[in-house]
């Protein structure tokens, strides 16, 4: 099989797809329906039709066809996800809303978050008629009374169809509307592909939608009309009599193939060639099809692709489903694909219209999506409703046969190739030649090998959506046996927007991931508000676990450890078992790992000799000098080691009065926790003046006895520090000698460092200092959780619990190389869940995963009932607004906040509600913060004038934007008029 993509124009990859069509709310369901051969045709019973307002005489007409291809959730939309107010969403054409959602879904399907994409993403598309505006918005007198035409136009004009998507998704590439009737969306694909080849953008969304309003009322068939006489769409069949309109559409995400391969994208199909033209006047009439024009577009696309037509083995036809239209299309196809060939019926023919009806402006791209999925899966779905060929087609004499049953699709001497046609009323023809994607290669992994622990990040705008997304991902992983968990984790990290409600789930394999995602107790869930400040903690004596998986898995960790080994000239394994140097090395390497993931600590804090780690990271010491000082400090500490050291549950102030002269406080670890050295028999019997025994616990760690630290020891350490030539810190950290931020004078003073041998460690006071900086998360770098436990004593109960990066050497699983990975990744997940910006480790390929679980609610404006005329709009505009249909049922002032001018606020609140679609308004709500714009402010000024007889300038609106402040301003201006 040859796969030469070097000839012809630059190939364009289809890397993401999304659709909502009759019978399928998403892409996965659409493919399932195609494979199963399901039709989305809906029979409408008489009772339904009468309730929908269809006159009885029409329902009973023998030519009435009670059928529809219906789209669910047309009235519903997840407005908040896209930053739209309820009123803004209700005023927007549902086609605009659907297209916006599909663009978002296509990006998610491809695994691309626009916020992380440095290039330009273009948008190309079109939609159906502007029915909603005229039959709903303009037919609601109450809404029209409080809404200006510019605001209505923003959500309904054809001009804003693609630009609204670009705005709400923050896409900076070209944003171009395409309007060529039924060929609109395939022409959009053509235009987007050409823009990519021209370098106008780096990725491009292309597609179209059409929503029939009303859609559930059937239709009256008239002889010679384009719609089906029996409500069935049977392309190429002898009984075909036309099409049935449906609602829905689709969007594809396109990218230059070379870029897609480099970026690890999943390529579903490759666009080899594409062409667009118009019939001109060479046909019977404006709405008729033209053989010559269609044939020219087909030939141009094939010539551009540079492929032999004989290698194209499937054509997704435009297919009007009528005897004349199908005959014209087959004639045009045959004139190109059959030219100079005697063999017959080697190319399958089909149409998605047989499954979902005719989606008008959305038809072409949905046909392309069907074909791309078929190329990707190697299956040809059946074209439904075909029993016998239309004799006028003479298929036996053409290269084509109708694919009437699901069939396997194996490549031959060339890759699988297909073509998609779409021909619009008015004569604009489009033809696109596709090829199956090249074989996908696995990237080199910058992290753990396949099967190692991974952190799966899921977020959403609400807690409910977050939990739904987690369960949907679990369900997907439970059935998608070919997915690599590293690719899943990578896609979630780089290809999803980061919303405030988050969960991070650590997993050691696909089965474990399914369990974790389904179990709320295992999920590391939190709300990411303002990111907390991170404080790194470093110990000085914790033993290193025998199995250190981070060294093998994480390049930043590996590089830091190797630097230490090079500086000492020792073997890594030997170095990590050195009780003096290992705590420093692992703490240093762990901090470097966190920094490589994007953690920028607000400050750092070391316990005793752990301060050398903080100082080295802050640039006070070069690494080789720091290692020599740590080794010397540790050796001297052991020479002066006390007979015993105890943790004592009492404050330093209390202990000063209670301790015998032979005992010394060597560390203040918390408000009621100190480390004391001295005689065992005295410390174990330590009591308060009342006689109550004070709690003590003997420590295994080595602590110096201050009286045993000689002047010679201090002089030796001082000389070593002088030789190291310490610098001022380049980043902040806290002194464990003072409990305060370290100063440049201190770090450059050798006596300061020598004092670490003799003076008490003020770790607890330093923790208290760190907490004065606001929301804080302490992160222990190094083995174990002792320092995190000490920090927990002072951390707020409602705050983030201190975290640790590695298991302790004494943990039961500490010898498992994967255990430290699990511990470290879990800490990373918790940080991310709480809003700390992280760029997690690893690389991978982007894979298709379940998209965002949209929380759609009704955002809809109903027309006024025809039989119940509303009273004339007199009096205040808010009276009219209160009658508006849709999500707003009235405006009330919620309790709380500033309630100045309550009578004015009570009238003003419904005005805000009518303009913004928010029912409950708080006195301290800011008009612009809850969705108001300059346009709605103009309407607000007009409504205030009608309701209160007061003229407010735009400046006053901006200066007094809260409900309470605005009410006061209105009251003041009313009083000034009296």
Foldseek 3Di string as FASTA:
>chain_A
DDDDQPDFFFKKFFFFKWKFFQQDHTDVRVLVCLQVVAFSKDAADPVRQVVVPDDPVLVPPPQFAQIFRETPPLQWAQQVQLPAFLQLVFLAHSFLRQVLVQVQRRLLQFLAQVVQDPWAEEEEAFEDDQCFCVAFQVQAVLLVLQDDPVSSCCRRPRVNSQVSSCVSSVGDFHGYYFDFKQCTQLVQVVVQVVCQSVVRTAKYKTFYWYADVPGRNTDRDDPPDQDFSHSAQAFQAQNFAFWHETTMAMMTMMGRQVVCQVAQGDGLWMFLFKFKDFPPPPDDDQQDEDLVLQLVRAQRRCVSSVDQLLQAAEEAEQGRRRLVRSQSRLSSVQVRSVPPHQDAARHEYAYCCRRGIRRIRRRQVVSVSLVSNCLNVQKDGAHPDHDHGNVSNVRRRGNYDYRHHIDGHQHDPYFHKYKYWHARRRGMIMMTIIGGDPDHDWDDKQFDDFQFKAKAKFADQDQVLRLVQLQQQLVVLVPCVPDTVQQNRQSRQRRDDHHFWMWIAIARHSVRSSVQSNDPVRILIDGADPAAAEEEEAEFFFQAAQFALCCVTHPQLVVQLVVLCVLVVHDSNVQCRPRQRNSLSQLLSLVSRQVVFPRDHQAYYYFQLRVLSRLCVQQQFPSSLSSVLSNLLVVLLQQQWAPWKKKWQAAPVQVVVQDDPQKDFAAGLARGITIMGGDPVDLQQGDHPVNHGTDMDTDPDTGGRLVSRDPVSLVVSLVSLVVRQTAFGNHWYAAQQPLGIDGRVLSRHSNNSSCSRRGHGYNHSVLVVVCVVDQYEYEYRGEDCVSLVSSQVVHDPPGDRHAYQAYGNPDPCSNPNSRSVSRNVVVVRNSVSNNRRTRDGIDTRHRRGDDRPRPIDRSHWRRDDPVDDDPDDDAASLVSLCPTDGLENFAAEDDDDDCALVVLLRSLRSSLCSLRVDHYAYQFDFSVVSRDDPSSVVSSQVRCCRHQVDGDDVVCCVVQRGSNSVSVVSVVRSVVVD
